[in-house]
Amino acid sequence: MARGGGPGGFDVNALMKQAQQMQAEMLDAQEKLKDEVVEASAGGGMVKLKMGGDLTLREITIDPEAIDPEEAEMLAEMVQAAVNEGLRAAQELASSKMGGITGGGGLGALGG
């Protein structure tokens, strides 16, 4: 039996150390994501926003021409579309940053 006490040469201590290192890297990446910003727009740029990598809405800009009391529903739809695009882009950014840590395979990538 190998050191670490696992069957078939499986080293539990090495696995635990690797998991702790991965956790530290993930926490660091999550901290860095707070500083990342993605931009999105809708309605041909009538509604623009900036979304943080931590999925927080940082800024929203609405072109004054889009503010028509008769078209409030359309403006709401543009805001919704821009927010959804911003969230998608921020999640994609987070996934690309975190995927490098886990090797794209989650915890199953921990060499077992």
PDB file of N, CA and C in Angstrom:
ATOM      1  N   MET A   1       0.840  -1.164   0.000  1.00  0.00           N
ATOM      2  CA  MET A   1       0.000   0.000   0.000  1.00  0.00           C
ATOM      3  C   MET A   1       0.898   1.244   0.000  1.00  0.00           C
ATOM      4  N   ALA A   2       0.550   2.255  -0.784  1.00  0.00           N
ATOM      5  CA  ALA A   2       1.347   3.477  -0.886  1.00  0.00           C
ATOM      6  C   ALA A   2       1.111   4.372   0.317  1.00  0.00           C
ATOM      7  N   ARG A   3       2.069   5.288   0.511  1.00  0.00           N
ATOM      8  CA  ARG A   3       1.905   6.260   1.578  1.00  0.00           C
ATOM      9  C   ARG A   3       0.634   7.064   1.327  1.00  0.00           C
ATOM     10  N   GLY A   4      -0.095   7.377   2.391  1.00  0.00           N
ATOM     11  CA  GLY A   4      -1.359   8.069   2.218  1.00  0.00           C
ATOM     12  C   GLY A   4      -2.501   7.124   2.466  1.00  0.00           C
ATOM     13  N   GLY A   5      -2.235   5.849   2.455  1.00  0.00           N
ATOM     14  CA  GLY A   5      -3.210   4.856   2.865  1.00  0.00           C
ATOM     15  C   GLY A   5      -4.282   4.505   1.862  1.00  0.00           C
ATOM     16  N   GLY A   6      -4.187   4.894   0.629  1.00  0.00           N
ATOM     17  CA  GLY A   6      -5.253   4.582  -0.318  1.00  0.00           C
ATOM     18  C   GLY A   6      -5.003   3.294  -1.059  1.00  0.00           C
ATOM     19  N   PRO A   7      -6.039   2.645  -1.519  1.00  0.00           N
ATOM     20  CA  PRO A   7      -5.880   1.408  -2.296  1.00  0.00           C
ATOM     21  C   PRO A   7      -5.291   1.698  -3.675  1.00  0.00           C
ATOM     22  N   GLY A   8      -4.537   0.773  -4.167  1.00  0.00           N
ATOM     23  CA  GLY A   8      -4.007   0.880  -5.523  1.00  0.00           C
ATOM     24  C   GLY A   8      -3.034   2.031  -5.718  1.00  0.00           C
ATOM     25  N   GLY A   9      -2.330   2.428  -4.666  1.00  0.00           N
ATOM     26  CA  GLY A   9      -1.363   3.511  -4.802  1.00  0.00           C
ATOM     27  C   GLY A   9      -1.993   4.890  -4.780  1.00  0.00           C
ATOM     28  N   PHE A  10      -3.238   5.000  -4.400  1.00  0.00           N
ATOM     29  CA  PHE A  10      -3.946   6.281  -4.353  1.00  0.00           C
ATOM     30  C   PHE A  10      -3.497   7.060  -3.120  1.00  0.00           C
ATOM     31  N   ASP A  11      -2.910   8.246  -3.315  1.00  0.00           N
ATOM     32  CA  ASP A  11      -2.364   9.050  -2.217  1.00  0.00           C
ATOM     33  C   ASP A  11      -3.384  10.112  -1.789  1.00  0.00           C
ATOM     34  N   VAL A  12      -4.064   9.841  -0.682  1.00  0.00           N
ATOM     35  CA  VAL A  12      -5.111  10.737  -0.180  1.00  0.00           C
ATOM     36  C   VAL A  12      -4.521  12.090   0.207  1.00  0.00           C
ATOM     37  N   ASN A  13      -3.332  12.085   0.804  1.00  0.00           N
ATOM     38  CA  ASN A  13      -2.714  13.345   1.223  1.00  0.00           C
ATOM     39  C   ASN A  13      -2.413  14.240   0.025  1.00  0.00           C
ATOM     40  N   ALA A  14      -1.924  13.655  -1.037  1.00  0.00           N
ATOM     41  CA  ALA A  14      -1.642  14.437  -2.243  1.00  0.00           C
ATOM     42  C   ALA A  14      -2.936  14.996  -2.826  1.00  0.00           C
ATOM     43  N   LEU A  15      -3.987  14.206  -2.805  1.00  0.00           N
ATOM     44  CA  LEU A  15      -5.281  14.657  -3.314  1.00  0.00           C
ATOM     45  C   LEU A  15      -5.808  15.825  -2.490  1.00  0.00           C
ATOM     46  N   MET A  16      -5.688  15.733  -1.165  1.00  0.00           N
ATOM     47  CA  MET A  16      -6.146  16.806  -0.287  1.00  0.00           C
ATOM     48  C   MET A  16      -5.342  18.085  -0.522  1.00  0.00           C
ATOM     49  N   LYS A  17      -4.041  17.941  -0.701  1.00  0.00           N
ATOM     50  CA  LYS A  17      -3.186  19.106  -0.950  1.00  0.00           C
ATOM     51  C   LYS A  17      -3.571  19.761  -2.276  1.00  0.00           C
ATOM     52  N   GLN A  18      -3.825  18.949  -3.285  1.00  0.00           N
ATOM     53  CA  GLN A  18      -4.208  19.458  -4.592  1.00  0.00           C
ATOM     54  C   GLN A  18      -5.566  20.164  -4.502  1.00  0.00           C
ATOM     55  N   ALA A  19      -6.489  19.619  -3.742  1.00  0.00           N
ATOM     56  CA  ALA A  19      -7.812  20.232  -3.573  1.00  0.00           C
ATOM     57  C   ALA A  19      -7.698  21.567  -2.850  1.00  0.00           C
ATOM     58  N   GLN A  20      -6.848  21.642  -1.843  1.00  0.00           N
ATOM     59  CA  GLN A  20      -6.656  22.896  -1.116  1.00  0.00           C
ATOM     60  C   GLN A  20      -6.025  23.957  -2.014  1.00  0.00           C
ATOM     61  N   GLN A  21      -5.087  23.547  -2.843  1.00  0.00           N
ATOM     62  CA  GLN A  21      -4.449  24.481  -3.768  1.00  0.00           C
ATOM     63  C   GLN A  21      -5.484  24.992  -4.772  1.00  0.00           C
ATOM     64  N   MET A  22      -6.319  24.093  -5.278  1.00  0.00           N
ATOM     65  CA  MET A  22      -7.351  24.477  -6.232  1.00  0.00           C
ATOM     66  C   MET A  22      -8.328  25.462  -5.586  1.00  0.00           C
ATOM     67  N   GLN A  23      -8.696  25.209  -4.340  1.00  0.00           N
ATOM     68  CA  GLN A  23      -9.617  26.099  -3.636  1.00  0.00           C
ATOM     69  C   GLN A  23      -9.007  27.494  -3.491  1.00  0.00           C
ATOM     70  N   ALA A  24      -7.739  27.564  -3.143  1.00  0.00           N
ATOM     71  CA  ALA A  24      -7.060  28.857  -3.003  1.00  0.00           C
ATOM     72  C   ALA A  24      -7.019  29.585  -4.348  1.00  0.00           C
ATOM     73  N   GLU A  25      -6.752  28.859  -5.422  1.00  0.00           N
ATOM     74  CA  GLU A  25      -6.718  29.466  -6.759  1.00  0.00           C
ATOM     75  C   GLU A  25      -8.098  29.958  -7.167  1.00  0.00           C
ATOM     76  N   MET A  26      -9.131  29.204  -6.819  1.00  0.00           N
ATOM     77  CA  MET A  26     -10.497  29.612  -7.157  1.00  0.00           C
ATOM     78  C   MET A  26     -10.891  30.869  -6.386  1.00  0.00           C
ATOM     79  N   LEU A  27     -10.528  30.952  -5.113  1.00  0.00           N
ATOM     80  CA  LEU A  27     -10.824  32.148  -4.323  1.00  0.00           C
ATOM     81  C   LEU A  27     -10.109  33.359  -4.904  1.00  0.00           C
ATOM     82  N   ASP A  28      -8.866  33.181  -5.319  1.00  0.00           N
ATOM     83  CA  ASP A  28      -8.097  34.258  -5.933  1.00  0.00           C
ATOM     84  C   ASP A  28      -8.750  34.696  -7.246  1.00  0.00           C
ATOM     85  N   ALA A  29      -9.161  33.729  -8.060  1.00  0.00           N
ATOM     86  CA  ALA A  29      -9.809  34.050  -9.336  1.00  0.00           C
ATOM     87  C   ALA A  29     -11.128  34.783  -9.100  1.00  0.00           C
ATOM     88  N   GLN A  30     -11.899  34.376  -8.092  1.00  0.00           N
ATOM     89  CA  GLN A  30     -13.161  35.047  -7.786  1.00  0.00           C
ATOM     90  C   GLN A  30     -12.907  36.493  -7.361  1.00  0.00           C
ATOM     91  N   GLU A  31     -11.855  36.727  -6.593  1.00  0.00           N
ATOM     92  CA  GLU A  31     -11.497  38.093  -6.183  1.00  0.00           C
ATOM     93  C   GLU A  31     -11.152  38.930  -7.409  1.00  0.00           C
ATOM     94  N   LYS A  32     -10.376  38.349  -8.321  1.00  0.00           N
ATOM     95  CA  LYS A  32      -9.971  39.074  -9.528  1.00  0.00           C
ATOM     96  C   LYS A  32     -11.169  39.366 -10.425  1.00  0.00           C
ATOM     97  N   LEU A  33     -12.166  38.472 -10.432  1.00  0.00           N
ATOM     98  CA  LEU A  33     -13.347  38.686 -11.259  1.00  0.00           C
ATOM     99  C   LEU A  33     -14.102  39.947 -10.845  1.00  0.00           C
ATOM    100  N   LYS A  34     -13.999  40.327  -9.589  1.00  0.00           N
ATOM    101  CA  LYS A  34     -14.673  41.541  -9.127  1.00  0.00           C
ATOM    102  C   LYS A  34     -14.162  42.772  -9.871  1.00  0.00           C
ATOM    103  N   ASP A  35     -12.912  42.715 -10.348  1.00  0.00           N
ATOM    104  CA  ASP A  35     -12.318  43.843 -11.057  1.00  0.00           C
ATOM    105  C   ASP A  35     -12.555  43.796 -12.562  1.00  0.00           C
ATOM    106  N   GLU A  36     -13.015  42.666 -13.068  1.00  0.00           N
ATOM    107  CA  GLU A  36     -13.265  42.509 -14.503  1.00  0.00           C
ATOM    108  C   GLU A  36     -14.624  43.127 -14.857  1.00  0.00           C
ATOM    109  N   VAL A  37     -14.732  43.689 -16.056  1.00  0.00           N
ATOM    110  CA  VAL A  37     -15.977  44.304 -16.499  1.00  0.00           C
ATOM    111  C   VAL A  37     -16.254  43.876 -17.939  1.00  0.00           C
ATOM    112  N   VAL A  38     -17.503  43.492 -18.199  1.00  0.00           N
ATOM    113  CA  VAL A  38     -17.936  43.219 -19.566  1.00  0.00           C
ATOM    114  C   VAL A  38     -18.989  44.260 -19.929  1.00  0.00           C
ATOM    115  N   GLU A  39     -19.124  44.522 -21.208  1.00  0.00           N
ATOM    116  CA  GLU A  39     -20.105  45.488 -21.680  1.00  0.00           C
ATOM    117  C   GLU A  39     -21.108  44.790 -22.575  1.00  0.00           C
ATOM    118  N   ALA A  40     -22.340  45.287 -22.546  1.00  0.00           N
ATOM    119  CA  ALA A  40     -23.398  44.735 -23.382  1.00  0.00           C
ATOM    120  C   ALA A  40     -24.308  45.874 -23.801  1.00  0.00           C
ATOM    121  N   SER A  41     -25.053  45.655 -24.878  1.00  0.00           N
ATOM    122  CA  SER A  41     -25.997  46.678 -25.327  1.00  0.00           C
ATOM    123  C   SER A  41     -27.179  46.015 -26.004  1.00  0.00           C
ATOM    124  N   ALA A  42     -28.231  46.787 -26.192  1.00  0.00           N
ATOM    125  CA  ALA A  42     -29.428  46.312 -26.878  1.00  0.00           C
ATOM    126  C   ALA A  42     -30.063  47.495 -27.593  1.00  0.00           C
ATOM    127  N   GLY A  43     -30.953  47.185 -28.517  1.00  0.00           N
ATOM    128  CA  GLY A  43     -31.645  48.241 -29.252  1.00  0.00           C
ATOM    129  C   GLY A  43     -30.702  49.084 -30.088  1.00  0.00           C
ATOM    130  N   GLY A  44     -29.715  48.433 -30.682  1.00  0.00           N
ATOM    131  CA  GLY A  44     -28.770  49.163 -31.520  1.00  0.00           C
ATOM    132  C   GLY A  44     -27.943  50.162 -30.732  1.00  0.00           C
ATOM    133  N   GLY A  45     -27.695  49.859 -29.468  1.00  0.00           N
ATOM    134  CA  GLY A  45     -26.884  50.730 -28.628  1.00  0.00           C
ATOM    135  C   GLY A  45     -27.701  51.745 -27.839  1.00  0.00           C
ATOM    136  N   MET A  46     -29.026  51.644 -27.925  1.00  0.00           N
ATOM    137  CA  MET A  46     -29.874  52.578 -27.172  1.00  0.00           C
ATOM    138  C   MET A  46     -29.760  52.335 -25.669  1.00  0.00           C
ATOM    139  N   VAL A  47     -29.511  51.077 -25.283  1.00  0.00           N
ATOM    140  CA  VAL A  47     -29.310  50.728 -23.879  1.00  0.00           C
ATOM    141  C   VAL A  47     -27.952  50.041 -23.797  1.00  0.00           C
ATOM    142  N   LYS A  48     -27.076  50.584 -22.948  1.00  0.00           N
ATOM    143  CA  LYS A  48     -25.743  50.018 -22.758  1.00  0.00           C
ATOM    144  C   LYS A  48     -25.536  49.789 -21.270  1.00  0.00           C
ATOM    145  N   LEU A  49     -24.741  48.752 -20.966  1.00  0.00           N
ATOM    146  CA  LEU A  49     -24.439  48.520 -19.558  1.00  0.00           C
ATOM    147  C   LEU A  49     -23.077  47.906 -19.396  1.00  0.00           C
ATOM    148  N   LYS A  50     -22.605  48.006 -18.156  1.00  0.00           N
ATOM    149  CA  LYS A  50     -21.354  47.368 -17.763  1.00  0.00           C
ATOM    150  C   LYS A  50     -21.685  46.443 -16.603  1.00  0.00           C
ATOM    151  N   MET A  51     -21.229  45.205 -16.721  1.00  0.00           N
ATOM    152  CA  MET A  51     -21.491  44.176 -15.722  1.00  0.00           C
ATOM    153  C   MET A  51     -20.152  43.699 -15.177  1.00  0.00           C
ATOM    154  N   GLY A  52     -20.070  43.597 -13.852  1.00  0.00           N
ATOM    155  CA  GLY A  52     -18.852  43.101 -13.234  1.00  0.00           C
ATOM    156  C   GLY A  52     -18.733  41.598 -13.409  1.00  0.00           C
ATOM    157  N   GLY A  53     -17.514  41.114 -13.355  1.00  0.00           N
ATOM    158  CA  GLY A  53     -17.279  39.677 -13.446  1.00  0.00           C
ATOM    159  C   GLY A  53     -17.891  38.917 -12.286  1.00  0.00           C
ATOM    160  N   ASP A  54     -18.232  39.641 -11.219  1.00  0.00           N
ATOM    161  CA  ASP A  54     -18.906  39.026 -10.072  1.00  0.00           C
ATOM    162  C   ASP A  54     -20.425  39.134 -10.199  1.00  0.00           C
ATOM    163  N   LEU A  55     -20.894  39.376 -11.430  1.00  0.00           N
ATOM    164  CA  LEU A  55     -22.312  39.441 -11.789  1.00  0.00           C
ATOM    165  C   LEU A  55     -23.059  40.595 -11.122  1.00  0.00           C
ATOM    166  N   THR A  56     -22.369  41.716 -10.928  1.00  0.00           N
ATOM    167  CA  THR A  56     -23.031  42.913 -10.415  1.00  0.00           C
ATOM    168  C   THR A  56     -23.164  43.931 -11.538  1.00  0.00           C
ATOM    169  N   LEU A  57     -24.327  44.566 -11.608  1.00  0.00           N
ATOM    170  CA  LEU A  57     -24.564  45.607 -12.604  1.00  0.00           C
ATOM    171  C   LEU A  57     -23.837  46.855 -12.146  1.00  0.00           C
ATOM    172  N   ARG A  58     -22.867  47.322 -12.937  1.00  0.00           N
ATOM    173  CA  ARG A  58     -22.038  48.448 -12.535  1.00  0.00           C
ATOM    174  C   ARG A  58     -22.555  49.776 -13.086  1.00  0.00           C
ATOM    175  N   GLU A  59     -23.080  49.733 -14.296  1.00  0.00           N
ATOM    176  CA  GLU A  59     -23.483  50.983 -14.944  1.00  0.00           C
ATOM    177  C   GLU A  59     -24.524  50.674 -16.007  1.00  0.00           C
ATOM    178  N   ILE A  60     -25.483  51.555 -16.148  1.00  0.00           N
ATOM    179  CA  ILE A  60     -26.462  51.423 -17.228  1.00  0.00           C
ATOM    180  C   ILE A  60     -26.666  52.802 -17.832  1.00  0.00           C
ATOM    181  N   THR A  61     -26.651  52.860 -19.156  1.00  0.00           N
ATOM    182  CA  THR A  61     -26.834  54.113 -19.887  1.00  0.00           C
ATOM    183  C   THR A  61     -27.975  53.921 -20.871  1.00  0.00           C
ATOM    184  N   ILE A  62     -28.912  54.865 -20.832  1.00  0.00           N
ATOM    185  CA  ILE A  62     -30.053  54.814 -21.751  1.00  0.00           C
ATOM    186  C   ILE A  62     -30.022  56.077 -22.596  1.00  0.00           C
ATOM    187  N   ASP A  63     -29.984  55.887 -23.908  1.00  0.00           N
ATOM    188  CA  ASP A  63     -30.004  57.005 -24.836  1.00  0.00           C
ATOM    189  C   ASP A  63     -31.313  57.772 -24.639  1.00  0.00           C
ATOM    190  N   PRO A  64     -31.249  59.091 -24.489  1.00  0.00           N
ATOM    191  CA  PRO A  64     -32.476  59.873 -24.285  1.00  0.00           C
ATOM    192  C   PRO A  64     -33.535  59.651 -25.363  1.00  0.00           C
ATOM    193  N   GLU A  65     -33.101  59.319 -26.575  1.00  0.00           N
ATOM    194  CA  GLU A  65     -34.062  59.066 -27.649  1.00  0.00           C
ATOM    195  C   GLU A  65     -34.903  57.815 -27.385  1.00  0.00           C
ATOM    196  N   ALA A  66     -34.401  56.919 -26.514  1.00  0.00           N
ATOM    197  CA  ALA A  66     -35.132  55.690 -26.199  1.00  0.00           C
ATOM    198  C   ALA A  66     -36.219  55.936 -25.152  1.00  0.00           C
ATOM    199  N   ILE A  67     -36.206  57.122 -24.543  1.00  0.00           N
ATOM    200  CA  ILE A  67     -37.162  57.417 -23.476  1.00  0.00           C
ATOM    201  C   ILE A  67     -38.388  58.097 -24.074  1.00  0.00           C
ATOM    202  N   ASP A  68     -39.345  57.296 -24.439  1.00  0.00           N
ATOM    203  CA  ASP A  68     -40.601  57.764 -25.028  1.00  0.00           C
ATOM    204  C   ASP A  68     -41.728  57.164 -24.195  1.00  0.00           C
ATOM    205  N   PRO A  69     -42.526  57.994 -23.531  1.00  0.00           N
ATOM    206  CA  PRO A  69     -43.610  57.470 -22.687  1.00  0.00           C
ATOM    207  C   PRO A  69     -44.535  56.504 -23.426  1.00  0.00           C
ATOM    208  N   GLU A  70     -44.639  56.661 -24.723  1.00  0.00           N
ATOM    209  CA  GLU A  70     -45.496  55.776 -25.518  1.00  0.00           C
ATOM    210  C   GLU A  70     -44.842  54.412 -25.747  1.00  0.00           C
ATOM    211  N   GLU A  71     -43.533  54.336 -25.549  1.00  0.00           N
ATOM    212  CA  GLU A  71     -42.781  53.115 -25.838  1.00  0.00           C
ATOM    213  C   GLU A  71     -42.097  52.547 -24.589  1.00  0.00           C
ATOM    214  N   ALA A  72     -42.696  52.735 -23.435  1.00  0.00           N
ATOM    215  CA  ALA A  72     -42.092  52.270 -22.180  1.00  0.00           C
ATOM    216  C   ALA A  72     -41.843  50.768 -22.199  1.00  0.00           C
ATOM    217  N   GLU A  73     -42.758  50.010 -22.773  1.00  0.00           N
ATOM    218  CA  GLU A  73     -42.599  48.545 -22.821  1.00  0.00           C
ATOM    219  C   GLU A  73     -41.388  48.153 -23.658  1.00  0.00           C
ATOM    220  N   MET A  74     -41.191  48.835 -24.775  1.00  0.00           N
ATOM    221  CA  MET A  74     -40.053  48.524 -25.634  1.00  0.00           C
ATOM    222  C   MET A  74     -38.744  48.861 -24.905  1.00  0.00           C
ATOM    223  N   LEU A  75     -38.704  49.980 -24.175  1.00  0.00           N
ATOM    224  CA  LEU A  75     -37.519  50.340 -23.418  1.00  0.00           C
ATOM    225  C   LEU A  75     -37.223  49.277 -22.362  1.00  0.00           C
ATOM    226  N   ALA A  76     -38.261  48.829 -21.673  1.00  0.00           N
ATOM    227  CA  ALA A  76     -38.079  47.781 -20.657  1.00  0.00           C
ATOM    228  C   ALA A  76     -37.508  46.517 -21.291  1.00  0.00           C
ATOM    229  N   GLU A  77     -37.972  46.167 -22.482  1.00  0.00           N
ATOM    230  CA  GLU A  77     -37.472  44.976 -23.174  1.00  0.00           C
ATOM    231  C   GLU A  77     -35.999  45.152 -23.565  1.00  0.00           C
ATOM    232  N   MET A  78     -35.617  46.362 -23.978  1.00  0.00           N
ATOM    233  CA  MET A  78     -34.214  46.612 -24.324  1.00  0.00           C
ATOM    234  C   MET A  78     -33.332  46.515 -23.080  1.00  0.00           C
ATOM    235  N   VAL A  79     -33.797  47.053 -21.952  1.00  0.00           N
ATOM    236  CA  VAL A  79     -33.035  46.966 -20.713  1.00  0.00           C
ATOM    237  C   VAL A  79     -32.879  45.499 -20.314  1.00  0.00           C
ATOM    238  N   GLN A  80     -33.968  44.759 -20.399  1.00  0.00           N
ATOM    239  CA  GLN A  80     -33.922  43.335 -20.046  1.00  0.00           C
ATOM    240  C   GLN A  80     -32.945  42.592 -20.951  1.00  0.00           C
ATOM    241  N   ALA A  81     -32.995  42.865 -22.244  1.00  0.00           N
ATOM    242  CA  ALA A  81     -32.098  42.195 -23.186  1.00  0.00           C
ATOM    243  C   ALA A  81     -30.636  42.541 -22.893  1.00  0.00           C
ATOM    244  N   ALA A  82     -30.360  43.801 -22.583  1.00  0.00           N
ATOM    245  CA  ALA A  82     -28.991  44.210 -22.296  1.00  0.00           C
ATOM    246  C   ALA A  82     -28.490  43.560 -21.010  1.00  0.00           C
ATOM    247  N   VAL A  83     -29.334  43.514 -19.976  1.00  0.00           N
ATOM    248  CA  VAL A  83     -28.935  42.891 -18.710  1.00  0.00           C
ATOM    249  C   VAL A  83     -28.664  41.399 -18.919  1.00  0.00           C
ATOM    250  N   ASN A  84     -29.540  40.729 -19.650  1.00  0.00           N
ATOM    251  CA  ASN A  84     -29.342  39.302 -19.904  1.00  0.00           C
ATOM    252  C   ASN A  84     -28.057  39.049 -20.691  1.00  0.00           C
ATOM    253  N   GLU A  85     -27.765  39.899 -21.668  1.00  0.00           N
ATOM    254  CA  GLU A  85     -26.524  39.749 -22.440  1.00  0.00           C
ATOM    255  C   GLU A  85     -25.320  40.013 -21.553  1.00  0.00           C
ATOM    256  N   GLY A  86     -25.415  41.010 -20.683  1.00  0.00           N
ATOM    257  CA  GLY A  86     -24.323  41.296 -19.754  1.00  0.00           C
ATOM    258  C   GLY A  86     -24.080  40.143 -18.794  1.00  0.00           C
ATOM    259  N   LEU A  87     -25.151  39.566 -18.268  1.00  0.00           N
ATOM    260  CA  LEU A  87     -25.012  38.411 -17.376  1.00  0.00           C
ATOM    261  C   LEU A  87     -24.373  37.231 -18.094  1.00  0.00           C
ATOM    262  N   ARG A  88     -24.803  36.987 -19.335  1.00  0.00           N
ATOM    263  CA  ARG A  88     -24.240  35.886 -20.116  1.00  0.00           C
ATOM    264  C   ARG A  88     -22.745  36.102 -20.324  1.00  0.00           C
ATOM    265  N   ALA A  89     -22.379  37.333 -20.692  1.00  0.00           N
ATOM    266  CA  ALA A  89     -20.969  37.638 -20.943  1.00  0.00           C
ATOM    267  C   ALA A  89     -20.142  37.522 -19.658  1.00  0.00           C
ATOM    268  N   ALA A  90     -20.684  37.986 -18.537  1.00  0.00           N
ATOM    269  CA  ALA A  90     -19.960  37.900 -17.265  1.00  0.00           C
ATOM    270  C   ALA A  90     -19.810  36.451 -16.819  1.00  0.00           C
ATOM    271  N   GLN A  91     -20.852  35.640 -17.033  1.00  0.00           N
ATOM    272  CA  GLN A  91     -20.764  34.219 -16.675  1.00  0.00           C
ATOM    273  C   GLN A  91     -19.762  33.504 -17.560  1.00  0.00           C
ATOM    274  N   GLU A  92     -19.726  33.875 -18.833  1.00  0.00           N
ATOM    275  CA  GLU A  92     -18.751  33.274 -19.752  1.00  0.00           C
ATOM    276  C   GLU A  92     -17.326  33.641 -19.321  1.00  0.00           C
ATOM    277  N   LEU A  93     -17.131  34.894 -18.908  1.00  0.00           N
ATOM    278  CA  LEU A  93     -15.826  35.333 -18.413  1.00  0.00           C
ATOM    279  C   LEU A  93     -15.436  34.533 -17.176  1.00  0.00           C
ATOM    280  N   ALA A  94     -16.363  34.410 -16.232  1.00  0.00           N
ATOM    281  CA  ALA A  94     -16.086  33.665 -14.998  1.00  0.00           C
ATOM    282  C   ALA A  94     -15.779  32.209 -15.314  1.00  0.00           C
ATOM    283  N   SER A  95     -16.533  31.630 -16.222  1.00  0.00           N
ATOM    284  CA  SER A  95     -16.324  30.231 -16.586  1.00  0.00           C
ATOM    285  C   SER A  95     -14.949  30.026 -17.219  1.00  0.00           C
ATOM    286  N   SER A  96     -14.532  30.973 -18.053  1.00  0.00           N
ATOM    287  CA  SER A  96     -13.215  30.828 -18.691  1.00  0.00           C
ATOM    288  C   SER A  96     -12.103  30.980 -17.665  1.00  0.00           C
ATOM    289  N   LYS A  97     -12.279  31.870 -16.696  1.00  0.00           N
ATOM    290  CA  LYS A  97     -11.259  32.051 -15.663  1.00  0.00           C
ATOM    291  C   LYS A  97     -11.205  30.843 -14.728  1.00  0.00           C
ATOM    292  N   MET A  98     -12.349  30.330 -14.323  1.00  0.00           N
ATOM    293  CA  MET A  98     -12.403  29.206 -13.393  1.00  0.00           C
ATOM    294  C   MET A  98     -12.083  27.890 -14.082  1.00  0.00           C
ATOM    295  N   GLY A  99     -12.428  27.773 -15.364  1.00  0.00           N
ATOM    296  CA  GLY A  99     -12.168  26.541 -16.100  1.00  0.00           C
ATOM    297  C   GLY A  99     -10.698  26.211 -16.183  1.00  0.00           C
ATOM    298  N   GLY A 100      -9.846  27.228 -16.211  1.00  0.00           N
ATOM    299  CA  GLY A 100      -8.413  26.996 -16.248  1.00  0.00           C
ATOM    300  C   GLY A 100      -7.894  26.386 -14.954  1.00  0.00           C
ATOM    301  N   ILE A 101      -8.570  26.704 -13.849  1.00  0.00           N
ATOM    302  CA  ILE A 101      -8.143  26.184 -12.552  1.00  0.00           C
ATOM    303  C   ILE A 101      -8.496  24.715 -12.421  1.00  0.00           C
ATOM    304  N   THR A 102      -9.701  24.363 -12.831  1.00  0.00           N
ATOM    305  CA  THR A 102     -10.166  22.988 -12.667  1.00  0.00           C
ATOM    306  C   THR A 102      -9.839  22.126 -13.875  1.00  0.00           C
ATOM    307  N   GLY A 103      -9.168  22.703 -14.849  1.00  0.00           N
ATOM    308  CA  GLY A 103      -8.847  21.941 -16.055  1.00  0.00           C
ATOM    309  C   GLY A 103     -10.089  21.704 -16.893  1.00  0.00           C
ATOM    310  N   GLY A 104     -11.135  22.507 -16.658  1.00  0.00           N
ATOM    311  CA  GLY A 104     -12.371  22.380 -17.405  1.00  0.00           C
ATOM    312  C   GLY A 104     -13.215  21.206 -16.986  1.00  0.00           C
ATOM    313  N   GLY A 105     -12.753  20.432 -16.014  1.00  0.00           N
ATOM    314  CA  GLY A 105     -13.480  19.219 -15.659  1.00  0.00           C
ATOM    315  C   GLY A 105     -13.978  19.192 -14.238  1.00  0.00           C
ATOM    316  N   GLY A 106     -13.994  20.329 -13.568  1.00  0.00           N
ATOM    317  CA  GLY A 106     -14.471  20.347 -12.193  1.00  0.00           C
ATOM    318  C   GLY A 106     -13.544  19.549 -11.287  1.00  0.00           C
ATOM    319  N   LEU A 107     -14.053  19.105 -10.167  1.00  0.00           N
ATOM    320  CA  LEU A 107     -13.230  18.370  -9.220  1.00  0.00           C
ATOM    321  C   LEU A 107     -12.827  16.996  -9.738  1.00  0.00           C
ATOM    322  N   GLY A 108     -13.525  16.503 -10.730  1.00  0.00           N
ATOM    323  CA  GLY A 108     -13.174  15.207 -11.295  1.00  0.00           C
ATOM    324  C   GLY A 108     -11.817  15.231 -11.990  1.00  0.00           C
ATOM    325  N   ALA A 109     -11.294  16.430 -12.246  1.00  0.00           N
ATOM    326  CA  ALA A 109     -10.007  16.545 -12.928  1.00  0.00           C
ATOM    327  C   ALA A 109      -8.838  16.409 -11.952  1.00  0.00           C
ATOM    328  N   LEU A 110      -9.115  16.131 -10.705  1.00  0.00           N
ATOM    329  CA  LEU A 110      -8.063  16.021  -9.695  1.00  0.00           C
ATOM    330  C   LEU A 110      -7.312  14.701  -9.777  1.00  0.00           C
ATOM    331  N   GLY A 111      -6.739  14.378 -10.838  1.00  0.00           N
ATOM    332  CA  GLY A 111      -5.921  13.186 -11.034  1.00  0.00           C
ATOM    333  C   GLY A 111      -6.137  12.037 -10.096  1.00  0.00           C
ATOM    334  N   GLY A 112      -7.177  11.268 -10.257  1.00  0.00           N
ATOM    335  CA  GLY A 112      -7.428  10.142  -9.360  1.00  0.00           C
ATOM    336  C   GLY A 112      -7.172   8.834  -9.972  1.00  0.00           C
TER     337      GLY A 112
END
